[in-house]
Amino acid sequence: MRIILVFSAILMSSVSLSAQAELYVTIVQGLGGEPTFEENFHTQSQTIAEASASLTDADKITFFNGDDATRENLLRHFSTQSAIMDVDDRAAIYLIGHGGFDGEEYKFNIPGIDITTDDILNVMDSFPGQNHFLLNTSSTSGALLEPLANENRILVTATRNGNEKNATFFGEYFVEALSSEDADLNKNNNISIEEAFGFAQRQVEEYFESQGQLATEHPELTGNGAAQFTIARINQVAISTENPRIAELQEQNLEIDRQIESLQLRRTELSNEDYIEQLQALILQSARINEEIDQLTRE
């Protein structure tokens, strides 16, 4: 009965993955301009890195800040990354900082030469496959919406256009969502892009209402798959440190969770028969692992 219930619940959602798919996370902390912003951006970036650690291997999480966050280093990093990725892998890029828009070109502020709309577009286009994710928390970040528009990638910006130039609150709230039970609307202990965005959007609206001010930022989300793309896990069961076999089984379950998510993201690429067959195999495998864990725990 437990297997049937879990299987039915997942079939009712529109989620996706492949057995060996990897998640590559890049966090770029831009220039703060003053100590308060520097500290805030660093805290947000660190929180994202910690949340990402539950989703992928440490060597697939890259954090750029300070003098390392140059255009040359970033473009070299993304060129190397795109070369080793395959079509089932996904990339998540977090741009945490300030930006500017002169009416024609958007720039994200980093030491030295800033990265531009064209730089960001070329990076996103270089990744094989689809379902890649870009978060930009800066003011004027909405200037990226039109040039980067593509239903096969997910884009979240703190503003709806390049004319909203005030420093934004959205990034703080988006990062807060990564550990918030309130953000986990379906109570599956996973925070999706859609859930984090919805939480942050509501918080931004409530903030300006509480201040009696007109909102100076309007977050936007575009592209397909935001509900299926997990960016944090909460309330995780601690990996056993006493029983090596239980620890091994728990790690296997985490990998199966990643495979189920990847399968769901690739749902439209598969026939209904293939999708159900692969999904059922993963769910049955997880159920057998959970049964063994339960048995070992009782002993």
Foldseek 3Di string as FASTA:
>chain_A
DVLVVVLVVLVVDLFFAALPAAEAEEEEQADAPDDVRSVVSVVLRVLLLVQQVLQHPNVRYYYDDDPCRDPVNVLVVLVVVQVPHEQLYEYEYEQGYAWADPPDWIFRHHPDDTDILVNVLVSQVSHHHFAYEYEYEYAQQLCNCVVNADQRYKYKYFANHRPLHDGGPLSVQLSVLQADPVLVVVPPQFHFQVSSNVRSQVVQVVVCVVVVHDRSGHMDMHHPNRVLHTSGGYPDDDQDPPDPVSNVLSVVLSSLVNRGRSGSSCVVVDDPVVSSVVNSVSSVVNVVSVVVNVVVVVD
